[in-house]
């Protein structure tokens, strides 16, 4: 059954069990950080493929999520998302996110009367914000240590 790329796919119990079996098999392999050789047998043809390390890691992440029974979706980085989706990713309210767009902190374009944000920009903002928070926390910890408040 074909699915749109970004539509979440909810695994059945059987899907989860099969994903867990594959996940366990991969954990026991030498696939850490390297290419993975996959044997494919379909329509009477057999072939072996070398998956690049990036795809191998993504496959492991997908298998882990499916094995846990979580819904999974694959979203191309160049995709655009709604303000609600962006707010969810950033863990803020939608009105707060709209304010961020209006202040120029995040880029958006109008589609009719709705805003669309580049997913890549939202993820970059999230990573930058996380790095700034960690830096501030490290500074506070150093300040506490200097004052003997550890």
C-alpha atoms as a PDB file:
ATOM      1  CA  UNK A   1       0.000   0.000   0.000  1.00  0.00           C
ATOM      2  CA  UNK A   2       1.490   3.352  -1.068  1.00  0.00           C
ATOM      3  CA  UNK A   3       1.670   6.230   1.417  1.00  0.00           C
ATOM      4  CA  UNK A   4       2.450   9.890   0.960  1.00  0.00           C
ATOM      5  CA  UNK A   5       5.997  10.509   2.140  1.00  0.00           C
ATOM      6  CA  UNK A   6       5.102  12.669   5.150  1.00  0.00           C
ATOM      7  CA  UNK A   7       1.979  10.746   6.208  1.00  0.00           C
ATOM      8  CA  UNK A   8       2.590   8.903   9.480  1.00  0.00           C
ATOM      9  CA  UNK A   9       2.440   5.128   9.180  1.00  0.00           C
ATOM     10  CA  UNK A  10       1.272   3.311  12.303  1.00  0.00           C
ATOM     11  CA  UNK A  11       2.757  -0.181  12.557  1.00  0.00           C
ATOM     12  CA  UNK A  12       0.667  -3.224  13.375  1.00  0.00           C
ATOM     13  CA  UNK A  13       1.814  -5.607  16.119  1.00  0.00           C
ATOM     14  CA  UNK A  14       3.145  -7.908  13.398  1.00  0.00           C
ATOM     15  CA  UNK A  15       5.054  -5.004  11.806  1.00  0.00           C
ATOM     16  CA  UNK A  16       6.535  -4.125  15.207  1.00  0.00           C
ATOM     17  CA  UNK A  17       7.579  -7.732  15.873  1.00  0.00           C
ATOM     18  CA  UNK A  18       9.229  -8.058  12.445  1.00  0.00           C
ATOM     19  CA  UNK A  19      10.985  -4.706  12.868  1.00  0.00           C
ATOM     20  CA  UNK A  20      12.276  -5.827  16.280  1.00  0.00           C
ATOM     21  CA  UNK A  21      13.693  -9.025  14.765  1.00  0.00           C
ATOM     22  CA  UNK A  22      15.498  -7.050  12.056  1.00  0.00           C
ATOM     23  CA  UNK A  23      16.690  -4.495  14.621  1.00  0.00           C
ATOM     24  CA  UNK A  24      18.172  -7.252  16.796  1.00  0.00           C
ATOM     25  CA  UNK A  25      19.877  -8.803  13.750  1.00  0.00           C
ATOM     26  CA  UNK A  26      21.389  -5.426  12.803  1.00  0.00           C
ATOM     27  CA  UNK A  27      22.623  -4.815  16.349  1.00  0.00           C
ATOM     28  CA  UNK A  28      24.566  -8.063  16.129  1.00  0.00           C
ATOM     29  CA  UNK A  29      26.127  -7.115  12.798  1.00  0.00           C
ATOM     30  CA  UNK A  30      29.095  -4.953  11.937  1.00  0.00           C
ATOM     31  CA  UNK A  31      26.808  -2.236  10.555  1.00  0.00           C
ATOM     32  CA  UNK A  32      27.915   0.396  13.081  1.00  0.00           C
ATOM     33  CA  UNK A  33      29.012   3.496  11.221  1.00  0.00           C
ATOM     34  CA  UNK A  34      29.553   1.645   7.947  1.00  0.00           C
ATOM     35  CA  UNK A  35      27.724   0.485   4.880  1.00  0.00           C
ATOM     36  CA  UNK A  36      25.232  -2.327   5.220  1.00  0.00           C
ATOM     37  CA  UNK A  37      24.933  -5.096   2.644  1.00  0.00           C
ATOM     38  CA  UNK A  38      21.298  -5.965   1.998  1.00  0.00           C
ATOM     39  CA  UNK A  39      20.188  -9.019   0.064  1.00  0.00           C
ATOM     40  CA  UNK A  40      16.999  -8.305  -1.885  1.00  0.00           C
ATOM     41  CA  UNK A  41      14.857 -11.006  -3.414  1.00  0.00           C
ATOM     42  CA  UNK A  42      11.802  -9.826  -5.362  1.00  0.00           C
ATOM     43  CA  UNK A  43       9.917 -11.003  -8.431  1.00  0.00           C
ATOM     44  CA  UNK A  44      12.335 -13.898  -8.925  1.00  0.00           C
ATOM     45  CA  UNK A  45      15.389 -11.627  -9.013  1.00  0.00           C
ATOM     46  CA  UNK A  46      18.043 -11.509  -6.337  1.00  0.00           C
ATOM     47  CA  UNK A  47      20.546  -8.773  -5.784  1.00  0.00           C
ATOM     48  CA  UNK A  48      22.816  -7.485  -3.045  1.00  0.00           C
ATOM     49  CA  UNK A  49      22.933  -3.777  -2.331  1.00  0.00           C
ATOM     50  CA  UNK A  50      25.404  -1.720  -0.325  1.00  0.00           C
ATOM     51  CA  UNK A  51      23.507   0.855   1.717  1.00  0.00           C
ATOM     52  CA  UNK A  52      25.515   3.987   2.554  1.00  0.00           C
ATOM     53  CA  UNK A  53      26.294   4.623   6.257  1.00  0.00           C
ATOM     54  CA  UNK A  54      23.723   7.468   6.426  1.00  0.00           C
ATOM     55  CA  UNK A  55      20.946   5.238   5.081  1.00  0.00           C
ATOM     56  CA  UNK A  56      22.036   2.439   7.426  1.00  0.00           C
ATOM     57  CA  UNK A  57      21.683   4.746  10.453  1.00  0.00           C
ATOM     58  CA  UNK A  58      18.314   6.025   9.230  1.00  0.00           C
ATOM     59  CA  UNK A  59      17.114   2.445   8.736  1.00  0.00           C
ATOM     60  CA  UNK A  60      18.173   1.576  12.289  1.00  0.00           C
ATOM     61  CA  UNK A  61      16.240   4.590  13.633  1.00  0.00           C
ATOM     62  CA  UNK A  62      13.139   3.610  11.653  1.00  0.00           C
ATOM     63  CA  UNK A  63      13.344   0.001  12.845  1.00  0.00           C
ATOM     64  CA  UNK A  64      13.728   1.129  16.464  1.00  0.00           C
ATOM     65  CA  UNK A  65      10.637   3.340  16.236  1.00  0.00           C
ATOM     66  CA  UNK A  66       8.521   0.727  14.434  1.00  0.00           C
ATOM     67  CA  UNK A  67       9.632  -1.999  16.861  1.00  0.00           C
ATOM     68  CA  UNK A  68       8.395   0.252  19.694  1.00  0.00           C
ATOM     69  CA  UNK A  69       5.025   0.576  17.926  1.00  0.00           C
ATOM     70  CA  UNK A  70       5.496   4.271  17.146  1.00  0.00           C
ATOM     71  CA  UNK A  71       4.088   5.932  14.050  1.00  0.00           C
ATOM     72  CA  UNK A  72       6.783   6.840  11.539  1.00  0.00           C
ATOM     73  CA  UNK A  73       6.924   9.355   8.711  1.00  0.00           C
ATOM     74  CA  UNK A  74       9.702  10.399   6.400  1.00  0.00           C
ATOM     75  CA  UNK A  75       9.840  14.089   5.538  1.00  0.00           C
ATOM     76  CA  UNK A  76      12.269  15.451   2.948  1.00  0.00           C
ATOM     77  CA  UNK A  77      14.338  18.295   4.427  1.00  0.00           C
ATOM     78  CA  UNK A  78      13.250  20.729   1.735  1.00  0.00           C
ATOM     79  CA  UNK A  79       9.645  20.223   2.774  1.00  0.00           C
ATOM     80  CA  UNK A  80       7.541  23.072   4.062  1.00  0.00           C
ATOM     81  CA  UNK A  81       5.491  22.725   7.208  1.00  0.00           C
ATOM     82  CA  UNK A  82       2.573  24.561   8.773  1.00  0.00           C
ATOM     83  CA  UNK A  83       2.905  26.904  11.716  1.00  0.00           C
ATOM     84  CA  UNK A  84       1.303  24.248  13.951  1.00  0.00           C
ATOM     85  CA  UNK A  85       3.828  21.620  12.853  1.00  0.00           C
ATOM     86  CA  UNK A  86       6.691  24.071  13.425  1.00  0.00           C
ATOM     87  CA  UNK A  87       5.315  24.995  16.846  1.00  0.00           C
ATOM     88  CA  UNK A  88       5.172  21.308  17.771  1.00  0.00           C
ATOM     89  CA  UNK A  89       8.777  20.751  16.661  1.00  0.00           C
ATOM     90  CA  UNK A  90       9.949  23.765  18.690  1.00  0.00           C
ATOM     91  CA  UNK A  91       7.703  22.937  21.638  1.00  0.00           C
ATOM     92  CA  UNK A  92       6.040  26.367  21.630  1.00  0.00           C
ATOM     93  CA  UNK A  93       2.472  27.513  21.060  1.00  0.00           C
ATOM     94  CA  UNK A  94       1.329  28.350  17.548  1.00  0.00           C
ATOM     95  CA  UNK A  95       0.660  32.029  18.427  1.00  0.00           C
ATOM     96  CA  UNK A  96       4.190  32.289  19.866  1.00  0.00           C
ATOM     97  CA  UNK A  97       5.612  30.790  16.675  1.00  0.00           C
ATOM     98  CA  UNK A  98       3.626  33.238  14.544  1.00  0.00           C
ATOM     99  CA  UNK A  99       5.182  36.032  16.631  1.00  0.00           C
ATOM    100  CA  UNK A 100       8.627  34.585  15.902  1.00  0.00           C
ATOM    101  CA  UNK A 101       7.841  34.707  12.177  1.00  0.00           C
ATOM    102  CA  UNK A 102       6.554  38.290  12.444  1.00  0.00           C
ATOM    103  CA  UNK A 103       9.756  39.311  14.293  1.00  0.00           C
ATOM    104  CA  UNK A 104      11.856  37.768  11.512  1.00  0.00           C
ATOM    105  CA  UNK A 105      13.313  34.981  13.661  1.00  0.00           C
ATOM    106  CA  UNK A 106      11.962  32.365  11.238  1.00  0.00           C
ATOM    107  CA  UNK A 107      11.281  32.659   7.509  1.00  0.00           C
ATOM    108  CA  UNK A 108       7.844  31.861   6.149  1.00  0.00           C
ATOM    109  CA  UNK A 109       5.872  32.351   2.991  1.00  0.00           C
ATOM    110  CA  UNK A 110       2.175  32.806   2.577  1.00  0.00           C
ATOM    111  CA  UNK A 111       0.104  30.172   0.804  1.00  0.00           C
ATOM    112  CA  UNK A 112      -3.327  31.727   0.581  1.00  0.00           C
ATOM    113  CA  UNK A 113      -3.906  32.966   4.115  1.00  0.00           C
ATOM    114  CA  UNK A 114      -1.622  30.385   5.750  1.00  0.00           C
ATOM    115  CA  UNK A 115       2.094  30.506   6.478  1.00  0.00           C
ATOM    116  CA  UNK A 116       4.501  27.768   5.404  1.00  0.00           C
ATOM    117  CA  UNK A 117       7.953  27.437   6.938  1.00  0.00           C
ATOM    118  CA  UNK A 118      10.927  25.565   5.480  1.00  0.00           C
ATOM    119  CA  UNK A 119      11.448  22.506   7.690  1.00  0.00           C
ATOM    120  CA  UNK A 120      15.208  22.865   7.328  1.00  0.00           C
ATOM    121  CA  UNK A 121      15.049  26.398   8.800  1.00  0.00           C
ATOM    122  CA  UNK A 122      12.910  25.239  11.741  1.00  0.00           C
ATOM    123  CA  UNK A 123      15.305  22.375  12.507  1.00  0.00           C
ATOM    124  CA  UNK A 124      18.320  24.703  12.230  1.00  0.00           C
ATOM    125  CA  UNK A 125      16.664  27.177  14.629  1.00  0.00           C
ATOM    126  CA  UNK A 126      15.951  24.346  17.067  1.00  0.00           C
ATOM    127  CA  UNK A 127      19.568  23.125  16.960  1.00  0.00           C
ATOM    128  CA  UNK A 128      20.917  26.677  17.397  1.00  0.00           C
ATOM    129  CA  UNK A 129      18.535  27.341  20.284  1.00  0.00           C
ATOM    130  CA  UNK A 130      19.557  24.079  21.981  1.00  0.00           C
ATOM    131  CA  UNK A 131      23.253  24.968  21.623  1.00  0.00           C
ATOM    132  CA  UNK A 132      22.656  28.425  23.129  1.00  0.00           C
ATOM    133  CA  UNK A 133      20.748  26.910  26.078  1.00  0.00           C
ATOM    134  CA  UNK A 134      23.550  24.421  26.760  1.00  0.00           C
ATOM    135  CA  UNK A 135      26.129  27.208  26.608  1.00  0.00           C
ATOM    136  CA  UNK A 136      24.108  29.335  29.060  1.00  0.00           C
ATOM    137  CA  UNK A 137      23.705  26.355  31.394  1.00  0.00           C
ATOM    138  CA  UNK A 138      27.463  25.696  31.313  1.00  0.00           C
ATOM    139  CA  UNK A 139      28.109  29.366  32.159  1.00  0.00           C
ATOM    140  CA  UNK A 140      25.672  29.196  35.085  1.00  0.00           C
ATOM    141  CA  UNK A 141      27.300  26.013  36.370  1.00  0.00           C
ATOM    142  CA  UNK A 142      30.753  27.617  36.130  1.00  0.00           C
ATOM    143  CA  UNK A 143      29.473  30.705  37.949  1.00  0.00           C
ATOM    144  CA  UNK A 144      27.947  28.537  40.719  1.00  0.00           C
ATOM    145  CA  UNK A 145      31.219  26.640  41.061  1.00  0.00           C
ATOM    146  CA  UNK A 146      33.179  29.887  41.309  1.00  0.00           C
ATOM    147  CA  UNK A 147      30.861  30.981  44.120  1.00  0.00           C
ATOM    148  CA  UNK A 148      31.129  27.608  45.831  1.00  0.00           C
ATOM    149  CA  UNK A 149      27.428  26.838  45.338  1.00  0.00           C
ATOM    150  CA  UNK A 150      27.920  23.513  43.570  1.00  0.00           C
END
